[in-house]
């Protein structure tokens, strides 16, 4: 699969499969095509060549609105502008309708509110369920967006740099929420785009390393998240190690 825009190849020769119920991490430097890949997979960017299947549906033969209905997309850089006075429960409930506000003249059923409350509790937001969205910390807002993405029973969750701009505590809380999602009896298929290993859920079982719009390597984390691979990927001296089962990377300082 490839994407060409104004004569420039944004993505080229992409050949990858994400297994249902797995957690796939897409890593690479800025400009490597990670966000463009998510846009294609979520039906917001049309490929110039090749084929794309999501949930077995072939793009071109299925309405993209139907595809998007089964995908929970979280992009902090493009977060919808919610009314800051909306409570956490209300923001999460908008995920039932794919909108940024609740229906003006529509009733939300008791079963739908139970679904909302279940996700709010699962993500760890029950204690602040009635707090105004605008009063939340960045980490709490991100967890709210995760709950919103899941409330519609999305089978696929795509997270494009979900912890960008968060402090260490908020980032850890967000990653813990992702871990809890993957520990469910029927977990979503999760695709996480990131620059940093410590932002990845512990459940990652597939990695895709991207550079210059192409897949440089892909496979099992233990095999491909190595110091040599990431040093080549990011063009710097990277040391990869494990800490409490998680991958961590440090970059050696260089002097000119």
C-alpha atoms as a PDB file:
ATOM      1  CA  UNK A   1       0.000   0.000   0.000  1.00  0.00           C
ATOM      2  CA  UNK A   2       1.220   3.506  -0.748  1.00  0.00           C
ATOM      3  CA  UNK A   3       0.138   7.133  -0.480  1.00  0.00           C
ATOM      4  CA  UNK A   4       1.353   9.859  -2.832  1.00  0.00           C
ATOM      5  CA  UNK A   5       0.425  13.506  -2.351  1.00  0.00           C
ATOM      6  CA  UNK A   6       1.544  16.286  -4.724  1.00  0.00           C
ATOM      7  CA  UNK A   7       4.166  13.993  -6.158  1.00  0.00           C
ATOM      8  CA  UNK A   8       5.605  13.061  -2.758  1.00  0.00           C
ATOM      9  CA  UNK A   9       5.477   9.486  -1.473  1.00  0.00           C
ATOM     10  CA  UNK A  10       4.153   9.757   2.083  1.00  0.00           C
ATOM     11  CA  UNK A  11       3.869   5.974   2.439  1.00  0.00           C
ATOM     12  CA  UNK A  12       5.407   3.346   0.166  1.00  0.00           C
ATOM     13  CA  UNK A  13       5.354  -0.448   0.011  1.00  0.00           C
ATOM     14  CA  UNK A  14       3.483  -0.830   3.310  1.00  0.00           C
ATOM     15  CA  UNK A  15       2.769  -4.509   3.954  1.00  0.00           C
ATOM     16  CA  UNK A  16       1.552  -5.281   7.442  1.00  0.00           C
ATOM     17  CA  UNK A  17      -1.161  -7.151   9.319  1.00  0.00           C
ATOM     18  CA  UNK A  18      -2.363  -6.482  12.859  1.00  0.00           C
ATOM     19  CA  UNK A  19      -3.939  -9.515  14.486  1.00  0.00           C
ATOM     20  CA  UNK A  20      -7.362  -9.196  16.102  1.00  0.00           C
ATOM     21  CA  UNK A  21      -7.078  -8.594  19.838  1.00  0.00           C
ATOM     22  CA  UNK A  22      -3.373  -7.815  19.687  1.00  0.00           C
ATOM     23  CA  UNK A  23      -1.488  -4.644  20.647  1.00  0.00           C
ATOM     24  CA  UNK A  24       0.694  -3.241  17.881  1.00  0.00           C
ATOM     25  CA  UNK A  25       3.194  -0.442  18.470  1.00  0.00           C
ATOM     26  CA  UNK A  26       4.198   1.741  15.515  1.00  0.00           C
ATOM     27  CA  UNK A  27       7.522   3.452  16.204  1.00  0.00           C
ATOM     28  CA  UNK A  28       9.655   5.809  14.179  1.00  0.00           C
ATOM     29  CA  UNK A  29      11.140   9.303  14.006  1.00  0.00           C
ATOM     30  CA  UNK A  30       9.198  12.417  13.059  1.00  0.00           C
ATOM     31  CA  UNK A  31       8.167  12.380   9.415  1.00  0.00           C
ATOM     32  CA  UNK A  32       8.347   8.612   9.118  1.00  0.00           C
ATOM     33  CA  UNK A  33       4.690   8.275   8.105  1.00  0.00           C
ATOM     34  CA  UNK A  34       3.239   6.953  11.379  1.00  0.00           C
ATOM     35  CA  UNK A  35       0.311   9.366  11.559  1.00  0.00           C
ATOM     36  CA  UNK A  36      -0.387   8.950   7.839  1.00  0.00           C
ATOM     37  CA  UNK A  37      -0.583   5.191   8.387  1.00  0.00           C
ATOM     38  CA  UNK A  38      -3.135   5.671  11.180  1.00  0.00           C
ATOM     39  CA  UNK A  39      -5.127   8.031   8.946  1.00  0.00           C
ATOM     40  CA  UNK A  40      -5.279   5.383   6.218  1.00  0.00           C
ATOM     41  CA  UNK A  41      -6.223   2.579   8.596  1.00  0.00           C
ATOM     42  CA  UNK A  42      -8.975   4.674  10.177  1.00  0.00           C
ATOM     43  CA  UNK A  43     -10.415   5.699   6.824  1.00  0.00           C
ATOM     44  CA  UNK A  44      -9.438   9.373   6.772  1.00  0.00           C
ATOM     45  CA  UNK A  45      -6.730   9.137   4.105  1.00  0.00           C
ATOM     46  CA  UNK A  46      -7.218   7.222   0.881  1.00  0.00           C
ATOM     47  CA  UNK A  47      -4.293   5.118  -0.396  1.00  0.00           C
ATOM     48  CA  UNK A  48      -2.912   5.858  -3.845  1.00  0.00           C
ATOM     49  CA  UNK A  49      -2.017   2.221  -4.478  1.00  0.00           C
ATOM     50  CA  UNK A  50      -2.507  -1.207  -2.972  1.00  0.00           C
ATOM     51  CA  UNK A  51      -5.342  -2.491  -0.804  1.00  0.00           C
ATOM     52  CA  UNK A  52      -6.482  -1.964   2.767  1.00  0.00           C
ATOM     53  CA  UNK A  53      -8.698  -4.285   4.790  1.00  0.00           C
ATOM     54  CA  UNK A  54     -10.083  -3.503   8.223  1.00  0.00           C
ATOM     55  CA  UNK A  55     -12.144  -6.140  10.025  1.00  0.00           C
ATOM     56  CA  UNK A  56     -12.107  -8.078   6.769  1.00  0.00           C
ATOM     57  CA  UNK A  57     -13.746  -5.204   4.855  1.00  0.00           C
ATOM     58  CA  UNK A  58     -11.946  -4.087   1.704  1.00  0.00           C
ATOM     59  CA  UNK A  59     -11.663  -0.334   1.219  1.00  0.00           C
ATOM     60  CA  UNK A  60     -13.497   0.629  -1.931  1.00  0.00           C
ATOM     61  CA  UNK A  61     -16.168  -1.981  -1.300  1.00  0.00           C
ATOM     62  CA  UNK A  62     -17.341  -0.771   2.091  1.00  0.00           C
ATOM     63  CA  UNK A  63     -18.648   2.597   3.306  1.00  0.00           C
ATOM     64  CA  UNK A  64     -15.881   4.293   5.265  1.00  0.00           C
ATOM     65  CA  UNK A  65     -18.491   5.563   7.725  1.00  0.00           C
ATOM     66  CA  UNK A  66     -19.172   1.922   8.602  1.00  0.00           C
ATOM     67  CA  UNK A  67     -15.446   1.290   9.077  1.00  0.00           C
ATOM     68  CA  UNK A  68     -15.020   4.313  11.340  1.00  0.00           C
ATOM     69  CA  UNK A  69     -17.947   3.213  13.492  1.00  0.00           C
ATOM     70  CA  UNK A  70     -15.851   0.290  14.710  1.00  0.00           C
ATOM     71  CA  UNK A  71     -12.685   2.309  15.318  1.00  0.00           C
ATOM     72  CA  UNK A  72     -11.932   4.368  18.405  1.00  0.00           C
ATOM     73  CA  UNK A  73      -9.465   7.030  17.275  1.00  0.00           C
ATOM     74  CA  UNK A  74      -7.566   9.108  19.841  1.00  0.00           C
ATOM     75  CA  UNK A  75      -5.285  11.852  18.538  1.00  0.00           C
ATOM     76  CA  UNK A  76      -4.316  14.410  21.213  1.00  0.00           C
ATOM     77  CA  UNK A  77      -3.019  16.780  18.548  1.00  0.00           C
ATOM     78  CA  UNK A  78      -6.505  16.838  17.011  1.00  0.00           C
ATOM     79  CA  UNK A  79      -8.674  16.506  20.102  1.00  0.00           C
ATOM     80  CA  UNK A  80     -12.303  17.498  19.486  1.00  0.00           C
ATOM     81  CA  UNK A  81     -13.263  20.803  21.103  1.00  0.00           C
ATOM     82  CA  UNK A  82     -15.721  19.807  23.799  1.00  0.00           C
ATOM     83  CA  UNK A  83     -17.651  22.286  25.894  1.00  0.00           C
ATOM     84  CA  UNK A  84     -15.391  22.695  28.936  1.00  0.00           C
ATOM     85  CA  UNK A  85     -18.432  22.648  31.245  1.00  0.00           C
ATOM     86  CA  UNK A  86     -19.484  19.173  30.143  1.00  0.00           C
ATOM     87  CA  UNK A  87     -18.923  16.551  32.816  1.00  0.00           C
ATOM     88  CA  UNK A  88     -16.727  13.510  32.296  1.00  0.00           C
ATOM     89  CA  UNK A  89     -19.783  11.233  31.931  1.00  0.00           C
ATOM     90  CA  UNK A  90     -21.268  13.505  29.286  1.00  0.00           C
ATOM     91  CA  UNK A  91     -18.038  13.659  27.267  1.00  0.00           C
ATOM     92  CA  UNK A  92     -17.721   9.884  27.403  1.00  0.00           C
ATOM     93  CA  UNK A  93     -21.374   9.533  26.347  1.00  0.00           C
ATOM     94  CA  UNK A  94     -20.730  11.541  23.164  1.00  0.00           C
ATOM     95  CA  UNK A  95     -18.780   8.510  21.971  1.00  0.00           C
ATOM     96  CA  UNK A  96     -22.108   6.705  21.590  1.00  0.00           C
ATOM     97  CA  UNK A  97     -23.017   9.152  18.821  1.00  0.00           C
ATOM     98  CA  UNK A  98     -19.630  10.010  17.291  1.00  0.00           C
ATOM     99  CA  UNK A  99     -20.187  13.689  18.061  1.00  0.00           C
ATOM    100  CA  UNK A 100     -18.842  16.373  20.395  1.00  0.00           C
ATOM    101  CA  UNK A 101     -22.188  16.963  22.081  1.00  0.00           C
ATOM    102  CA  UNK A 102     -25.141  14.951  23.268  1.00  0.00           C
ATOM    103  CA  UNK A 103     -28.309  14.843  21.143  1.00  0.00           C
ATOM    104  CA  UNK A 104     -30.442  17.930  21.715  1.00  0.00           C
ATOM    105  CA  UNK A 105     -33.752  16.115  21.447  1.00  0.00           C
ATOM    106  CA  UNK A 106     -32.758  12.512  21.950  1.00  0.00           C
ATOM    107  CA  UNK A 107     -33.022  10.422  25.047  1.00  0.00           C
ATOM    108  CA  UNK A 108     -30.061   8.431  26.286  1.00  0.00           C
ATOM    109  CA  UNK A 109     -31.344   5.125  27.548  1.00  0.00           C
ATOM    110  CA  UNK A 110     -30.549   3.717  30.962  1.00  0.00           C
ATOM    111  CA  UNK A 111     -28.637   0.880  29.298  1.00  0.00           C
ATOM    112  CA  UNK A 112     -26.496   3.416  27.440  1.00  0.00           C
ATOM    113  CA  UNK A 113     -25.734   5.268  30.669  1.00  0.00           C
ATOM    114  CA  UNK A 114     -24.789   1.957  32.284  1.00  0.00           C
ATOM    115  CA  UNK A 115     -22.395   1.399  29.405  1.00  0.00           C
ATOM    116  CA  UNK A 116     -20.928   4.875  29.944  1.00  0.00           C
ATOM    117  CA  UNK A 117     -20.531   4.327  33.689  1.00  0.00           C
ATOM    118  CA  UNK A 118     -18.920   0.954  33.097  1.00  0.00           C
ATOM    119  CA  UNK A 119     -16.246   2.513  30.881  1.00  0.00           C
ATOM    120  CA  UNK A 120     -15.764   5.448  33.249  1.00  0.00           C
ATOM    121  CA  UNK A 121     -15.118   3.035  36.108  1.00  0.00           C
ATOM    122  CA  UNK A 122     -12.955   0.706  34.019  1.00  0.00           C
ATOM    123  CA  UNK A 123     -10.650   3.526  32.946  1.00  0.00           C
ATOM    124  CA  UNK A 124     -10.384   4.784  36.541  1.00  0.00           C
ATOM    125  CA  UNK A 125     -12.492   7.940  36.324  1.00  0.00           C
ATOM    126  CA  UNK A 126     -15.360   7.062  38.683  1.00  0.00           C
ATOM    127  CA  UNK A 127     -14.213   9.458  41.406  1.00  0.00           C
ATOM    128  CA  UNK A 128     -14.292  12.425  38.989  1.00  0.00           C
ATOM    129  CA  UNK A 129     -17.212  11.314  36.804  1.00  0.00           C
ATOM    130  CA  UNK A 130     -19.143  14.562  37.377  1.00  0.00           C
ATOM    131  CA  UNK A 131     -16.196  16.930  37.207  1.00  0.00           C
ATOM    132  CA  UNK A 132     -16.128  19.439  34.341  1.00  0.00           C
ATOM    133  CA  UNK A 133     -13.947  18.350  31.439  1.00  0.00           C
ATOM    134  CA  UNK A 134     -12.230  21.735  31.354  1.00  0.00           C
ATOM    135  CA  UNK A 135     -11.132  21.341  34.985  1.00  0.00           C
ATOM    136  CA  UNK A 136      -9.342  18.049  34.365  1.00  0.00           C
ATOM    137  CA  UNK A 137      -5.611  17.584  34.099  1.00  0.00           C
ATOM    138  CA  UNK A 138      -4.177  16.627  30.705  1.00  0.00           C
ATOM    139  CA  UNK A 139      -3.828  13.030  31.902  1.00  0.00           C
ATOM    140  CA  UNK A 140      -7.441  12.900  33.116  1.00  0.00           C
ATOM    141  CA  UNK A 141      -8.630  14.329  29.804  1.00  0.00           C
ATOM    142  CA  UNK A 142      -6.699  11.643  27.922  1.00  0.00           C
ATOM    143  CA  UNK A 143      -8.257   8.888  30.052  1.00  0.00           C
ATOM    144  CA  UNK A 144     -11.661  10.450  29.345  1.00  0.00           C
ATOM    145  CA  UNK A 145     -10.935  10.250  25.622  1.00  0.00           C
ATOM    146  CA  UNK A 146      -9.963   6.598  26.004  1.00  0.00           C
ATOM    147  CA  UNK A 147     -13.277   5.853  27.722  1.00  0.00           C
ATOM    148  CA  UNK A 148     -15.110   7.820  25.021  1.00  0.00           C
ATOM    149  CA  UNK A 149     -13.409   5.784  22.303  1.00  0.00           C
ATOM    150  CA  UNK A 150     -14.364   2.500  23.957  1.00  0.00           C
ATOM    151  CA  UNK A 151     -17.962   3.292  24.925  1.00  0.00           C
ATOM    152  CA  UNK A 152     -19.267   2.624  21.423  1.00  0.00           C
ATOM    153  CA  UNK A 153     -17.918  -0.945  21.579  1.00  0.00           C
ATOM    154  CA  UNK A 154     -15.170  -0.111  19.121  1.00  0.00           C
ATOM    155  CA  UNK A 155     -13.309  -3.290  18.260  1.00  0.00           C
ATOM    156  CA  UNK A 156     -10.246  -1.334  17.179  1.00  0.00           C
ATOM    157  CA  UNK A 157      -8.512   1.398  19.174  1.00  0.00           C
ATOM    158  CA  UNK A 158      -5.980   3.621  17.390  1.00  0.00           C
ATOM    159  CA  UNK A 159      -3.890   5.912  19.580  1.00  0.00           C
ATOM    160  CA  UNK A 160      -1.665   8.464  17.855  1.00  0.00           C
ATOM    161  CA  UNK A 161       0.911   9.586  20.450  1.00  0.00           C
ATOM    162  CA  UNK A 162      -1.634   9.394  23.292  1.00  0.00           C
ATOM    163  CA  UNK A 163       0.742  10.596  26.011  1.00  0.00           C
ATOM    164  CA  UNK A 164       2.244  13.573  24.187  1.00  0.00           C
ATOM    165  CA  UNK A 165       2.543  16.577  26.500  1.00  0.00           C
ATOM    166  CA  UNK A 166       1.743  14.612  29.670  1.00  0.00           C
ATOM    167  CA  UNK A 167       3.902  14.730  32.778  1.00  0.00           C
ATOM    168  CA  UNK A 168       5.425  11.510  34.115  1.00  0.00           C
ATOM    169  CA  UNK A 169       2.589  10.716  36.510  1.00  0.00           C
ATOM    170  CA  UNK A 170      -0.141  11.382  33.956  1.00  0.00           C
ATOM    171  CA  UNK A 171       1.727   9.385  31.340  1.00  0.00           C
ATOM    172  CA  UNK A 172       2.038   6.414  33.692  1.00  0.00           C
ATOM    173  CA  UNK A 173      -1.694   6.607  34.508  1.00  0.00           C
ATOM    174  CA  UNK A 174      -2.567   6.692  30.810  1.00  0.00           C
ATOM    175  CA  UNK A 175      -0.363   3.686  30.041  1.00  0.00           C
ATOM    176  CA  UNK A 176      -1.908   1.825  32.995  1.00  0.00           C
ATOM    177  CA  UNK A 177      -5.372   2.525  31.535  1.00  0.00           C
ATOM    178  CA  UNK A 178      -4.264   1.075  28.200  1.00  0.00           C
ATOM    179  CA  UNK A 179      -2.947  -1.989  30.012  1.00  0.00           C
ATOM    180  CA  UNK A 180      -6.309  -2.495  31.702  1.00  0.00           C
ATOM    181  CA  UNK A 181      -8.059  -2.336  28.335  1.00  0.00           C
ATOM    182  CA  UNK A 182      -5.799  -5.075  26.975  1.00  0.00           C
ATOM    183  CA  UNK A 183      -6.459  -7.245  30.040  1.00  0.00           C
ATOM    184  CA  UNK A 184     -10.158  -7.520  29.252  1.00  0.00           C
ATOM    185  CA  UNK A 185     -11.603 -10.888  28.337  1.00  0.00           C
ATOM    186  CA  UNK A 186     -12.294  -9.530  24.838  1.00  0.00           C
ATOM    187  CA  UNK A 187      -9.697  -6.786  24.359  1.00  0.00           C
ATOM    188  CA  UNK A 188      -9.766  -4.320  21.475  1.00  0.00           C
ATOM    189  CA  UNK A 189      -7.245  -4.502  18.702  1.00  0.00           C
ATOM    190  CA  UNK A 190      -4.922  -1.676  19.728  1.00  0.00           C
ATOM    191  CA  UNK A 191      -2.528   0.289  17.527  1.00  0.00           C
ATOM    192  CA  UNK A 192      -0.285   2.703  19.438  1.00  0.00           C
ATOM    193  CA  UNK A 193       1.855   5.268  17.621  1.00  0.00           C
ATOM    194  CA  UNK A 194       4.758   6.601  19.654  1.00  0.00           C
ATOM    195  CA  UNK A 195       8.336   7.821  19.698  1.00  0.00           C
ATOM    196  CA  UNK A 196       9.094   6.389  23.134  1.00  0.00           C
ATOM    197  CA  UNK A 197       9.243   2.840  24.460  1.00  0.00           C
ATOM    198  CA  UNK A 198       8.182   3.786  27.983  1.00  0.00           C
ATOM    199  CA  UNK A 199       4.832   4.995  26.599  1.00  0.00           C
ATOM    200  CA  UNK A 200       3.892   1.531  25.364  1.00  0.00           C
ATOM    201  CA  UNK A 201       1.502  -0.822  27.185  1.00  0.00           C
ATOM    202  CA  UNK A 202       3.050  -3.967  28.582  1.00  0.00           C
ATOM    203  CA  UNK A 203       0.713  -5.983  26.337  1.00  0.00           C
ATOM    204  CA  UNK A 204       2.512  -4.975  23.118  1.00  0.00           C
ATOM    205  CA  UNK A 205       3.042  -8.154  21.111  1.00  0.00           C
ATOM    206  CA  UNK A 206       3.839  -6.675  17.697  1.00  0.00           C
ATOM    207  CA  UNK A 207       6.021  -3.753  16.628  1.00  0.00           C
ATOM    208  CA  UNK A 208       6.247  -1.928  13.315  1.00  0.00           C
ATOM    209  CA  UNK A 209       9.344   0.223  12.853  1.00  0.00           C
ATOM    210  CA  UNK A 210       8.879   2.994  10.268  1.00  0.00           C
ATOM    211  CA  UNK A 211      11.361   5.258   8.546  1.00  0.00           C
ATOM    212  CA  UNK A 212      10.930   7.577   5.548  1.00  0.00           C
ATOM    213  CA  UNK A 213       7.421   6.324   4.850  1.00  0.00           C
ATOM    214  CA  UNK A 214       8.356   2.646   4.768  1.00  0.00           C
ATOM    215  CA  UNK A 215       8.306  -0.292   7.156  1.00  0.00           C
ATOM    216  CA  UNK A 216      11.925  -0.828   8.168  1.00  0.00           C
ATOM    217  CA  UNK A 217      11.201  -3.895  10.310  1.00  0.00           C
ATOM    218  CA  UNK A 218       8.278  -5.573  12.010  1.00  0.00           C
ATOM    219  CA  UNK A 219       7.648  -8.522  14.269  1.00  0.00           C
ATOM    220  CA  UNK A 220       7.847  -9.569  17.910  1.00  0.00           C
ATOM    221  CA  UNK A 221       9.091  -6.914  20.395  1.00  0.00           C
ATOM    222  CA  UNK A 222      11.804  -9.151  21.867  1.00  0.00           C
ATOM    223  CA  UNK A 223      13.265  -9.620  18.408  1.00  0.00           C
ATOM    224  CA  UNK A 224      12.976  -6.132  16.953  1.00  0.00           C
ATOM    225  CA  UNK A 225      13.105  -3.698  19.890  1.00  0.00           C
ATOM    226  CA  UNK A 226      16.883  -3.891  20.153  1.00  0.00           C
ATOM    227  CA  UNK A 227      19.569  -1.297  20.677  1.00  0.00           C
ATOM    228  CA  UNK A 228      20.927  -1.887  17.173  1.00  0.00           C
ATOM    229  CA  UNK A 229      17.544  -1.581  15.471  1.00  0.00           C
ATOM    230  CA  UNK A 230      16.490   1.588  17.274  1.00  0.00           C
ATOM    231  CA  UNK A 231      19.911   3.188  16.877  1.00  0.00           C
ATOM    232  CA  UNK A 232      19.583   2.731  13.130  1.00  0.00           C
ATOM    233  CA  UNK A 233      15.933   3.807  13.137  1.00  0.00           C
ATOM    234  CA  UNK A 234      16.505   7.084  15.014  1.00  0.00           C
ATOM    235  CA  UNK A 235      20.054   7.768  13.726  1.00  0.00           C
ATOM    236  CA  UNK A 236      21.527   8.032  17.202  1.00  0.00           C
ATOM    237  CA  UNK A 237      23.069   5.794  19.850  1.00  0.00           C
ATOM    238  CA  UNK A 238      20.105   4.108  21.594  1.00  0.00           C
ATOM    239  CA  UNK A 239      20.392   1.634  24.449  1.00  0.00           C
ATOM    240  CA  UNK A 240      17.342  -0.605  24.950  1.00  0.00           C
ATOM    241  CA  UNK A 241      16.791  -2.501  28.189  1.00  0.00           C
ATOM    242  CA  UNK A 242      13.955  -4.027  30.212  1.00  0.00           C
ATOM    243  CA  UNK A 243      12.606  -2.642  33.485  1.00  0.00           C
ATOM    244  CA  UNK A 244       9.898  -4.609  35.304  1.00  0.00           C
ATOM    245  CA  UNK A 245       9.010  -6.306  32.056  1.00  0.00           C
ATOM    246  CA  UNK A 246       8.728  -3.102  30.044  1.00  0.00           C
ATOM    247  CA  UNK A 247      11.015  -1.839  27.311  1.00  0.00           C
ATOM    248  CA  UNK A 248      12.942   1.345  28.106  1.00  0.00           C
ATOM    249  CA  UNK A 249      15.381   3.253  25.925  1.00  0.00           C
ATOM    250  CA  UNK A 250      18.085   5.754  26.735  1.00  0.00           C
ATOM    251  CA  UNK A 251      20.007   7.880  24.267  1.00  0.00           C
ATOM    252  CA  UNK A 252      23.723   8.528  24.710  1.00  0.00           C
ATOM    253  CA  UNK A 253      24.690  12.175  24.790  1.00  0.00           C
ATOM    254  CA  UNK A 254      26.945  13.291  21.971  1.00  0.00           C
ATOM    255  CA  UNK A 255      29.241  16.282  21.735  1.00  0.00           C
ATOM    256  CA  UNK A 256      30.240  18.183  18.617  1.00  0.00           C
END
